Amino acid sequence: MKKILVPALLTLAACSKKEDTTVRQPDYDGKWYIHQIVEKVYTLEDGDTAYTRYNVTDYPGTANYMDFQINKGKGDAIVYLDNQLDSMSYEAVSHVYFRLDTTLCEVTRVTDSAFQFNTLIFDGAPIPDRVQVTQHFFTLSR
């Protein structure tokens, strides 16, 4: 009986000591400086990928930025890029996905000082047996 009771008590003690393992996602509300944008345009046809454009643009310094003004999952994103100011609506979809206007974005990395996300845009123009995809990969920091 002792052989069964000891493991049962240890199991019960281990279960009761479990802590909440939910990790708070770092917040990306506020101003982030844009350092790099990678643009990829490609078509998918029968499982094959054909790149039609691959551009890498570096933005040194702190002149270009995105300012997320979020309140309870909704808000605006102010973008200053190449001397042009633009405002987009922001809406959280989940802890990984959000929308800027109608563009779906995926957070790939976020810490207190680094933020990376990408956009995913499907071309609505019908191309027989092909799907054209445009992605922008953003690298930002505080």
Protein backbone atom coordinates (compact mmCIF):
# COMPACT_ATOMS: atom_id res chain seq x y z
CA MET A 1 0.00 0.00 0.00
CA LYS A 2 2.88 2.35 0.80
CA LYS A 3 4.31 1.76 -2.69
CA ILE A 4 1.10 3.03 -4.28
CA LEU A 5 0.40 5.83 -1.80
CA VAL A 6 3.79 7.59 -2.15
CA PRO A 7 3.67 7.95 -5.97
CA ALA A 8 0.02 9.01 -5.77
CA LEU A 9 0.86 11.74 -3.23
CA LEU A 10 3.82 12.93 -5.29
CA THR A 11 1.65 13.10 -8.39
CA LEU A 12 -1.03 15.02 -6.51
CA ALA A 13 1.56 17.45 -5.11
CA ALA A 14 3.07 18.00 -8.56
CA CYS A 15 -0.34 18.72 -10.06
CA SER A 16 -1.29 21.18 -7.35
CA LYS A 17 1.97 23.12 -7.74
CA LYS A 18 1.50 23.77 -11.45
CA GLU A 19 1.62 27.45 -12.13
CA ASP A 20 -0.19 29.33 -14.83
CA THR A 21 2.07 28.97 -17.85
CA THR A 22 0.34 31.69 -19.85
CA VAL A 23 3.02 34.07 -21.05
CA ARG A 24 2.07 37.69 -21.57
CA GLN A 25 2.91 38.69 -25.12
CA PRO A 26 5.07 41.80 -25.27
CA ASP A 27 3.05 44.79 -26.39
CA TYR A 28 3.86 46.54 -29.67
CA ASP A 29 1.77 49.60 -28.96
CA GLY A 30 3.77 52.77 -29.56
CA LYS A 31 6.47 54.00 -31.91
CA TRP A 32 8.78 51.61 -33.78
CA TYR A 33 11.57 52.60 -36.16
CA ILE A 34 11.62 50.83 -39.52
CA HIS A 35 15.03 49.36 -40.36
CA GLN A 36 14.27 47.06 -43.28
CA ILE A 37 11.45 46.03 -45.57
CA VAL A 38 11.76 42.97 -47.78
CA GLU A 39 9.23 42.75 -50.59
CA LYS A 40 8.53 39.42 -52.27
CA VAL A 41 6.13 38.95 -55.15
CA TYR A 42 5.62 35.44 -56.45
CA THR A 43 3.17 33.17 -58.19
CA LEU A 44 2.12 29.73 -57.09
CA GLU A 45 1.29 27.21 -59.78
CA ASP A 46 0.87 23.48 -59.17
CA GLY A 47 2.96 23.68 -55.99
CA ASP A 48 5.84 25.57 -57.67
CA THR A 49 6.88 29.06 -56.60
CA ALA A 50 8.17 31.54 -59.17
CA TYR A 51 9.50 34.83 -57.79
CA THR A 52 8.82 37.85 -59.95
CA ARG A 53 10.18 40.44 -57.53
CA TYR A 54 12.48 40.35 -54.52
CA ASN A 55 13.50 43.76 -53.14
CA VAL A 56 15.34 44.58 -49.93
CA THR A 57 15.20 48.18 -48.74
CA ASP A 58 17.23 49.32 -45.73
CA TYR A 59 16.24 52.37 -43.70
CA PRO A 60 19.14 53.55 -41.54
CA GLY A 61 18.53 55.80 -38.56
CA THR A 62 15.21 56.79 -37.06
CA ALA A 63 13.56 58.88 -39.79
CA ASN A 64 11.05 56.17 -40.84
CA TYR A 65 8.64 54.73 -38.30
CA MET A 66 5.34 53.06 -37.49
CA ASP A 67 3.37 54.32 -34.51
CA PHE A 68 0.73 51.85 -33.28
CA GLN A 69 -1.98 53.66 -31.31
CA ILE A 70 -3.91 50.73 -29.89
CA ASN A 71 -6.76 50.71 -27.40
CA LYS A 72 -8.33 47.35 -26.51
CA GLY A 73 -7.38 45.63 -29.78
CA LYS A 74 -8.35 48.46 -32.13
CA GLY A 75 -6.85 51.74 -33.17
CA ASP A 76 -4.62 53.29 -35.79
CA ALA A 77 -1.14 52.80 -37.17
CA ILE A 78 0.62 55.95 -38.31
CA VAL A 79 3.34 55.22 -40.88
CA TYR A 80 6.04 57.67 -41.88
CA LEU A 81 8.04 56.17 -44.73
CA ASP A 82 10.12 57.87 -47.45
CA ASN A 83 8.87 61.35 -46.42
CA GLN A 84 5.21 60.34 -46.67
CA LEU A 85 2.77 60.11 -43.79
CA ASP A 86 -0.07 57.58 -43.89
CA SER A 87 -2.67 56.42 -41.39
CA MET A 88 -4.19 52.93 -41.36
CA SER A 89 -6.80 51.35 -39.16
CA TYR A 90 -5.51 48.63 -36.82
CA GLU A 91 -7.44 45.64 -35.53
CA ALA A 92 -6.11 42.69 -33.54
CA VAL A 93 -7.29 39.32 -34.84
CA SER A 94 -5.33 37.15 -32.38
CA HIS A 95 -2.05 37.41 -30.46
CA VAL A 96 -0.22 36.56 -33.73
CA TYR A 97 -2.39 38.19 -36.42
CA PHE A 98 -3.62 41.73 -36.93
CA ARG A 99 -5.06 43.81 -39.76
CA LEU A 100 -3.79 47.10 -41.13
CA ASP A 101 -6.78 48.40 -43.07
CA THR A 102 -7.73 45.19 -44.92
CA THR A 103 -4.22 43.67 -45.07
CA LEU A 104 -3.61 40.62 -42.88
CA CYS A 105 -0.34 40.79 -40.92
CA GLU A 106 1.47 38.09 -38.97
CA VAL A 107 3.75 38.83 -36.01
CA THR A 108 6.88 36.69 -36.31
CA ARG A 109 8.90 38.20 -33.45
CA VAL A 110 8.20 40.75 -30.76
CA THR A 111 10.27 41.71 -27.73
CA ASP A 112 10.57 44.94 -25.77
CA SER A 113 13.01 46.32 -28.36
CA ALA A 114 12.45 44.32 -31.59
CA PHE A 115 9.38 43.76 -33.72
CA GLN A 116 9.05 41.75 -36.93
CA PHE A 117 5.91 41.10 -38.90
CA ASN A 118 4.89 40.36 -42.45
CA THR A 119 1.94 41.11 -44.65
CA LEU A 120 0.17 38.64 -46.90
CA ILE A 121 -1.70 39.94 -49.95
CA PHE A 122 -3.33 37.74 -52.58
CA ASP A 123 -3.85 39.37 -55.95
CA GLY A 124 -7.52 39.46 -56.81
CA ALA A 125 -6.89 39.48 -60.55
CA PRO A 126 -7.74 36.09 -62.00
CA ILE A 127 -4.74 34.30 -63.47
CA PRO A 128 -5.68 30.86 -64.76
CA ASP A 129 -4.21 28.12 -62.52
CA ARG A 130 -2.02 30.64 -60.65
CA VAL A 131 -2.14 32.63 -57.45
CA GLN A 132 -0.05 35.80 -57.17
CA VAL A 133 1.13 36.64 -53.66
CA THR A 134 2.80 39.79 -52.35
CA GLN A 135 4.52 39.80 -48.97
CA HIS A 136 6.30 42.57 -47.10
CA PHE A 137 8.59 41.61 -44.22
CA PHE A 138 9.11 44.45 -41.73
CA THR A 139 12.00 44.69 -39.28
CA LEU A 140 11.53 47.38 -36.62
CA SER A 141 13.03 48.39 -33.29
CA ARG A 142 12.46 50.90 -30.49
